Amino acid sequence: MIPMMIVAAGLSLSGCAGSQIAKTQTSQGHSPAQDQAAEAEQHDEHALHNLHALTPELYSAAEPVGDPAYAQLAALGIKTVISVDGVAPNKQLAQRYGIRVVHIPTTYDGISDEQSRQLAHAMATMPRPIFVNCHHGKHRGPAAICVGAIGSGDITNAQAIEFMKTAKTSPKYTGLWKAAETARPMSKAELHDGSIELVEAAAIEDFVEGMAELSRLSDLINDCADYGFSAPENHPDLAPISLAGQIHNLFREMEDDQITIDNGPNFYKLLTHSRDLASQLETQIENDDIDGAYNSLQLLMEACSDCHDQYGRNG
């Protein structure tokens, strides 16, 4: 039997400044998830951002950064952290608080069948409560926790859609919404399939491959810019906001690459400047700030050109 989803009762948790824990109550008073979240928020209200409870045992939020964030996870009773971001969970910090980690990096385009199985398998087999994060905690994370929870039988597709609305997942990420709409419950045999592998840090494409992918994505988003950051007529499947998110994510993945380290602080400064411009571009597309998006894209292309002039196309 699927339990009442916390968010359906109006519970929305957030670690951001100015946020509140909804005053929803059960017949016995506050729900356990509310009490735990209130206690955690008192510990450090800025530790976890965009924190939401899908069920009393399933949470999603932005990337937990630093000791305060993992302390808040521990205060919530979290036993497993699943990152669907390009950046793996901080295993060292997690271990300090007795938390296990899983890394299933997804894209803004959607969630593959293999990733859906991994997420559901993790929901069924990893210690609970479980916390799922992406970078911002608004798009990939909420979609992923919903797909996994549908697969494990914790929620329905309709509940998933309501949760993603509460988490403010942008409707422009059509692939993420489709993943939640089409996810299906898995059988016990599927959920406990021993061949499904869960890793603590997934292998990410190397620097040279990442640069090639950045070039491909840049061509596609420039095509979209020609149509006012909409899908071009000859490529109607493109989602400009997804392309910007993928570019931002690739830059973040490159930050700790050995090539970045070897090229020194100036190269790192150029890379992170491009990362920030890509993040700004993503936000502007989400907010329909077309003029701002044109400006950010131009600045991003100039930043990439400057870096290539100094270091060559592959660093």
Protein backbone atom coordinates (compact mmCIF):
# COMPACT_ATOMS: atom_id res chain seq x y z
CA MET A 1 0.00 0.00 0.00
CA ILE A 2 1.39 3.39 -0.99
CA PRO A 3 1.69 5.74 2.01
CA MET A 4 0.30 9.26 1.97
CA MET A 5 2.92 11.42 0.32
CA ILE A 6 4.08 14.15 2.67
CA VAL A 7 4.06 16.78 -0.01
CA ALA A 8 0.45 15.99 -0.84
CA ALA A 9 -0.42 17.21 2.63
CA GLY A 10 1.39 20.45 1.94
CA LEU A 11 4.79 19.76 3.50
CA SER A 12 7.58 21.61 1.73
CA LEU A 13 10.94 21.84 3.46
CA SER A 14 13.73 24.18 2.47
CA GLY A 15 17.13 25.00 3.89
CA CYS A 16 17.19 28.36 2.07
CA ALA A 17 17.03 31.57 4.04
CA GLY A 18 13.48 32.81 4.48
CA SER A 19 11.89 29.40 3.91
CA GLN A 20 9.42 27.81 6.29
CA ILE A 21 8.28 24.35 7.25
CA ALA A 22 4.62 24.04 6.42
CA LYS A 23 2.32 23.84 9.44
CA THR A 24 0.64 20.61 8.31
CA GLN A 25 -0.37 18.32 11.17
CA THR A 26 -1.65 14.81 11.59
CA SER A 27 -4.24 13.79 14.15
CA GLN A 28 -1.36 13.13 16.57
CA GLY A 29 0.39 16.46 15.78
CA HIS A 30 3.33 17.01 13.47
CA SER A 31 4.44 14.17 11.22
CA PRO A 32 7.80 12.53 12.01
CA ALA A 33 9.27 14.03 8.83
CA GLN A 34 8.21 17.52 9.95
CA ASP A 35 9.62 17.09 13.45
CA GLN A 36 12.93 15.77 12.10
CA ALA A 37 13.17 18.49 9.48
CA ALA A 38 12.38 21.22 12.02
CA GLU A 39 15.12 19.92 14.30
CA ALA A 40 17.57 19.76 11.41
CA GLU A 41 16.71 23.27 10.25
CA GLN A 42 17.37 24.62 13.73
CA HIS A 43 20.81 23.01 13.50
CA ASP A 44 21.80 25.05 10.43
CA GLU A 45 19.12 26.63 8.28
CA HIS A 46 21.54 27.18 5.39
CA ALA A 47 23.02 23.66 5.21
CA LEU A 48 20.58 22.05 2.77
CA HIS A 49 18.83 24.04 0.07
CA ASN A 50 15.56 23.17 -1.68
CA LEU A 51 14.90 20.35 0.78
CA HIS A 52 11.64 18.45 0.22
CA ALA A 53 10.20 15.25 1.67
CA LEU A 54 8.58 12.94 -0.87
CA THR A 55 7.66 10.44 1.89
CA PRO A 56 8.82 10.18 5.53
CA GLU A 57 11.77 8.10 4.25
CA LEU A 58 12.62 9.81 0.94
CA TYR A 59 14.08 13.32 0.63
CA SER A 60 15.53 15.44 -2.16
CA ALA A 61 17.53 18.67 -2.11
CA ALA A 62 20.50 20.49 -3.61
CA GLU A 63 24.02 19.12 -3.33
CA PRO A 64 25.05 18.81 0.35
CA VAL A 65 28.23 20.85 0.69
CA GLY A 66 30.47 20.69 3.74
CA ASP A 67 30.12 19.40 7.26
CA PRO A 68 26.98 21.41 8.18
CA ALA A 69 25.05 19.81 5.33
CA TYR A 70 26.03 16.27 6.32
CA ALA A 71 25.29 17.08 9.93
CA GLN A 72 21.80 18.11 8.87
CA LEU A 73 21.42 14.91 6.87
CA ALA A 74 22.38 12.95 9.99
CA ALA A 75 19.87 14.96 12.03
CA LEU A 76 17.20 13.90 9.53
CA GLY A 77 18.27 10.31 10.09
CA ILE A 78 19.51 9.89 6.50
CA LYS A 79 21.29 6.57 5.95
CA THR A 80 21.94 6.78 2.19
CA VAL A 81 22.82 9.68 -0.11
CA ILE A 82 22.25 9.23 -3.84
CA SER A 83 23.76 11.88 -6.11
CA VAL A 84 22.37 12.15 -9.62
CA ASP A 85 24.69 15.08 -10.28
CA GLY A 86 27.94 14.80 -12.23
CA VAL A 87 29.72 15.28 -8.89
CA ALA A 88 29.80 12.20 -6.65
CA PRO A 89 28.78 12.45 -2.97
CA ASN A 90 31.48 13.33 -0.46
CA LYS A 91 32.25 9.82 0.76
CA GLN A 92 34.63 10.94 3.50
CA LEU A 93 32.10 13.28 5.09
CA ALA A 94 29.28 10.77 4.63
CA GLN A 95 31.26 8.04 6.42
CA ARG A 96 31.87 10.40 9.34
CA TYR A 97 28.10 10.46 9.89
CA GLY A 98 27.47 6.80 9.13
CA ILE A 99 25.89 7.53 5.74
CA ARG A 100 26.34 5.36 2.65
CA VAL A 101 26.69 6.92 -0.80
CA VAL A 102 25.58 6.04 -4.33
CA HIS A 103 26.36 7.90 -7.56
CA ILE A 104 23.95 7.67 -10.52
CA PRO A 105 24.69 10.73 -12.70
CA THR A 106 21.76 11.68 -14.93
CA THR A 107 21.30 14.37 -17.57
CA TYR A 108 18.75 17.13 -18.03
CA ASP A 109 17.37 15.29 -21.07
CA GLY A 110 15.75 12.57 -19.00
CA ILE A 111 16.43 9.34 -17.13
CA SER A 112 17.44 6.22 -19.04
CA ASP A 113 15.92 2.76 -18.48
CA GLU A 114 19.17 1.60 -16.87
CA GLN A 115 19.22 4.59 -14.52
CA SER A 116 15.56 4.00 -13.66
CA ARG A 117 16.38 0.43 -12.65
CA GLN A 118 19.36 1.59 -10.60
CA LEU A 119 17.28 4.22 -8.79
CA ALA A 120 14.47 1.78 -7.99
CA HIS A 121 16.98 -0.88 -6.94
CA ALA A 122 18.62 1.64 -4.60
CA MET A 123 15.25 2.62 -3.12
CA ALA A 124 14.48 -1.05 -2.46
CA THR A 125 17.84 -2.22 -1.15
CA MET A 126 19.77 0.69 0.41
CA PRO A 127 19.27 1.70 4.05
CA ARG A 128 16.55 4.29 4.64
CA PRO A 129 15.85 7.17 4.99
CA ILE A 130 17.30 8.02 1.56
CA PHE A 131 18.34 11.44 0.30
CA VAL A 132 18.68 12.24 -3.42
CA ASN A 133 20.49 15.30 -4.71
CA CYS A 134 21.37 17.02 -7.95
CA HIS A 135 23.16 20.39 -8.07
CA HIS A 136 20.33 22.86 -7.45
CA GLY A 137 17.81 20.37 -6.04
CA LYS A 138 15.03 21.49 -8.38
CA HIS A 139 15.18 19.45 -11.56
CA ARG A 140 17.18 16.22 -11.91
CA GLY A 141 17.01 15.30 -8.21
CA PRO A 142 13.23 15.54 -7.78
CA ALA A 143 12.70 13.70 -11.07
CA ALA A 144 15.14 10.96 -10.11
CA ILE A 145 13.72 10.35 -6.64
CA CYS A 146 10.25 10.15 -8.17
CA VAL A 147 11.29 7.68 -10.85
CA GLY A 148 13.01 5.53 -8.24
CA ALA A 149 10.07 5.74 -5.82
CA ILE A 150 7.59 4.79 -8.54
CA GLY A 151 9.77 1.81 -9.41
CA SER A 152 10.00 0.72 -5.77
CA GLY A 153 6.24 1.11 -5.26
CA ASP A 154 6.46 4.00 -2.79
CA ILE A 155 4.44 6.50 -4.85
CA THR A 156 2.29 6.74 -7.98
CA ASN A 157 2.98 8.67 -11.16
CA ALA A 158 0.37 11.25 -10.17
CA GLN A 159 2.09 11.83 -6.84
CA ALA A 160 5.41 12.18 -8.64
CA ILE A 161 4.03 14.95 -10.84
CA GLU A 162 2.69 16.84 -7.83
CA PHE A 163 6.02 16.50 -6.03
CA MET A 164 7.97 17.85 -9.00
CA LYS A 165 5.62 20.84 -9.10
CA THR A 166 6.27 21.45 -5.41
CA ALA A 167 10.03 21.16 -6.00
CA LYS A 168 9.64 23.72 -8.81
CA THR A 169 11.04 21.50 -11.52
CA SER A 170 10.94 23.62 -14.65
CA PRO A 171 8.38 22.51 -17.26
CA LYS A 172 11.05 23.26 -19.85
CA TYR A 173 12.90 20.06 -18.86
CA THR A 174 10.46 17.96 -20.81
CA GLY A 175 12.58 14.81 -20.62
CA LEU A 176 12.51 14.84 -16.82
CA TRP A 177 8.72 15.19 -16.72
CA LYS A 178 8.35 12.42 -19.28
CA ALA A 179 10.50 10.14 -17.13
CA ALA A 180 8.17 10.65 -14.16
CA GLU A 181 5.06 10.26 -16.28
CA THR A 182 6.18 6.98 -17.87
CA ALA A 183 7.99 5.31 -14.95
CA ARG A 184 6.45 2.02 -13.81
CA PRO A 185 6.44 -0.07 -10.64
CA MET A 186 8.95 -2.90 -10.77
CA SER A 187 8.45 -6.46 -9.54
CA LYS A 188 10.22 -7.74 -6.44
CA ALA A 189 12.50 -9.81 -8.66
CA GLU A 190 13.42 -6.76 -10.73
CA LEU A 191 14.03 -4.61 -7.66
CA HIS A 192 16.36 -7.18 -6.09
CA ASP A 193 18.17 -8.13 -9.29
CA GLY A 194 21.73 -8.77 -8.19
CA SER A 195 23.15 -7.78 -11.56
CA ILE A 196 22.20 -4.12 -11.00
CA GLU A 197 25.37 -2.37 -9.91
CA LEU A 198 25.44 0.64 -7.60
CA VAL A 199 28.73 2.54 -7.31
CA GLU A 200 29.97 5.23 -4.95
CA ALA A 201 31.56 7.30 -7.73
CA ALA A 202 30.60 6.69 -11.35
CA ALA A 203 33.21 7.01 -14.09
CA ILE A 204 32.78 10.36 -15.83
CA GLU A 205 34.04 11.04 -19.35
CA ASP A 206 37.59 12.35 -19.42
CA PHE A 207 38.61 15.93 -20.13
CA VAL A 208 39.14 15.54 -23.87
CA GLU A 209 35.78 13.80 -24.31
CA GLY A 210 34.19 16.50 -22.18
CA MET A 211 35.62 19.22 -24.40
CA ALA A 212 34.28 17.49 -27.49
CA GLU A 213 30.85 17.25 -25.88
CA LEU A 214 31.01 20.94 -24.93
CA SER A 215 31.67 21.79 -28.56
CA ARG A 216 28.68 19.74 -29.68
CA LEU A 217 26.38 21.30 -27.07
CA SER A 218 27.61 24.79 -27.93
CA ASP A 219 26.68 24.28 -31.57
CA LEU A 220 23.21 23.09 -30.58
CA ILE A 221 22.50 25.94 -28.15
CA ASN A 222 23.67 28.48 -30.72
CA ASP A 223 21.17 26.95 -33.15
CA CYS A 224 18.47 27.45 -30.52
CA ALA A 225 19.60 31.05 -29.95
CA ASP A 226 18.85 31.75 -33.61
CA TYR A 227 15.21 30.91 -32.78
CA GLY A 228 14.95 33.01 -29.62
CA PHE A 229 16.14 30.12 -27.42
CA SER A 230 13.42 27.84 -28.74
CA ALA A 231 13.85 24.56 -30.58
CA PRO A 232 14.87 25.18 -34.22
CA GLU A 233 12.53 24.03 -36.97
CA ASN A 234 14.97 21.38 -38.16
CA HIS A 235 15.61 20.08 -34.62
CA PRO A 236 12.29 20.28 -32.72
CA ASP A 237 13.45 17.85 -30.02
CA LEU A 238 16.03 20.26 -28.58
CA ALA A 239 15.42 21.85 -25.17
CA PRO A 240 17.63 24.96 -24.81
CA ILE A 241 17.44 24.96 -21.00
CA SER A 242 18.60 21.35 -20.95
CA LEU A 243 21.54 22.18 -23.21
CA ALA A 244 22.59 25.04 -20.91
CA GLY A 245 22.30 22.76 -17.88
CA GLN A 246 24.46 20.11 -19.52
CA ILE A 247 27.11 22.69 -20.42
CA HIS A 248 27.13 23.92 -16.82
CA ASN A 249 27.40 20.38 -15.52
CA LEU A 250 30.32 19.53 -17.80
CA PHE A 251 32.28 22.52 -16.58
CA ARG A 252 31.62 21.45 -12.98
CA GLU A 253 32.84 17.93 -13.73
CA MET A 254 36.06 19.31 -15.21
CA GLU A 255 36.94 21.35 -12.12
CA ASP A 256 38.70 18.45 -10.39
CA ASP A 257 40.16 16.87 -13.52
CA GLN A 258 43.92 16.35 -13.47
CA ILE A 259 44.32 18.45 -16.63
CA THR A 260 42.63 21.36 -14.87
CA ILE A 261 44.95 20.95 -11.88
CA ASP A 262 48.05 20.66 -14.07
CA ASN A 263 47.21 23.84 -16.00
CA GLY A 264 47.26 25.91 -12.83
CA PRO A 265 45.16 28.61 -11.17
CA ASN A 266 44.62 30.81 -14.24
CA PHE A 267 43.13 27.92 -16.20
CA TYR A 268 40.92 27.06 -13.23
CA LYS A 269 39.76 30.69 -13.07
CA LEU A 270 38.85 30.67 -16.77
CA LEU A 271 37.01 27.36 -16.44
CA THR A 272 34.98 28.41 -13.41
CA HIS A 273 34.14 31.73 -15.08
CA SER A 274 32.68 29.77 -18.00
CA ARG A 275 30.88 27.50 -15.53
CA ASP A 276 29.24 30.50 -13.88
CA LEU A 277 28.21 31.98 -17.23
CA ALA A 278 26.61 28.66 -18.20
CA SER A 279 24.70 28.61 -14.92
CA GLN A 280 23.54 32.18 -15.52
CA LEU A 281 22.48 31.25 -19.04
CA GLU A 282 20.43 28.31 -17.74
CA THR A 283 18.64 30.54 -15.21
CA GLN A 284 17.89 33.21 -17.81
CA ILE A 285 16.41 30.68 -20.23
CA GLU A 286 14.28 29.28 -17.39
CA ASN A 287 13.01 32.80 -16.61
CA ASP A 288 12.43 33.70 -20.29
CA ASP A 289 15.04 36.46 -20.06
CA ILE A 290 15.92 36.19 -23.73
CA ASP A 291 18.04 39.37 -23.92
CA GLY A 292 20.01 38.27 -20.87
CA ALA A 293 20.44 34.80 -22.34
CA TYR A 294 21.81 36.22 -25.60
CA ASN A 295 24.31 38.29 -23.61
CA SER A 296 25.39 35.37 -21.41
CA LEU A 297 25.80 33.08 -24.41
CA GLN A 298 27.95 35.66 -26.16
CA LEU A 299 30.10 36.09 -23.04
CA LEU A 300 30.37 32.31 -22.70
CA MET A 301 31.54 31.91 -26.30
CA GLU A 302 34.10 34.69 -25.77
CA ALA A 303 35.33 33.05 -22.56
CA CYS A 304 35.74 29.71 -24.30
CA SER A 305 37.57 31.37 -27.20
CA ASP A 306 39.90 33.14 -24.78
CA CYS A 307 40.68 29.88 -23.01
CA HIS A 308 41.30 28.07 -26.31
CA ASP A 309 43.66 30.87 -27.42
CA GLN A 310 45.68 30.49 -24.24
CA TYR A 311 45.64 26.74 -23.73
CA GLY A 312 44.53 25.07 -26.96
CA ARG A 313 41.25 23.26 -27.53
CA ASN A 314 41.96 20.40 -25.14
CA GLY A 315 43.50 22.31 -22.28
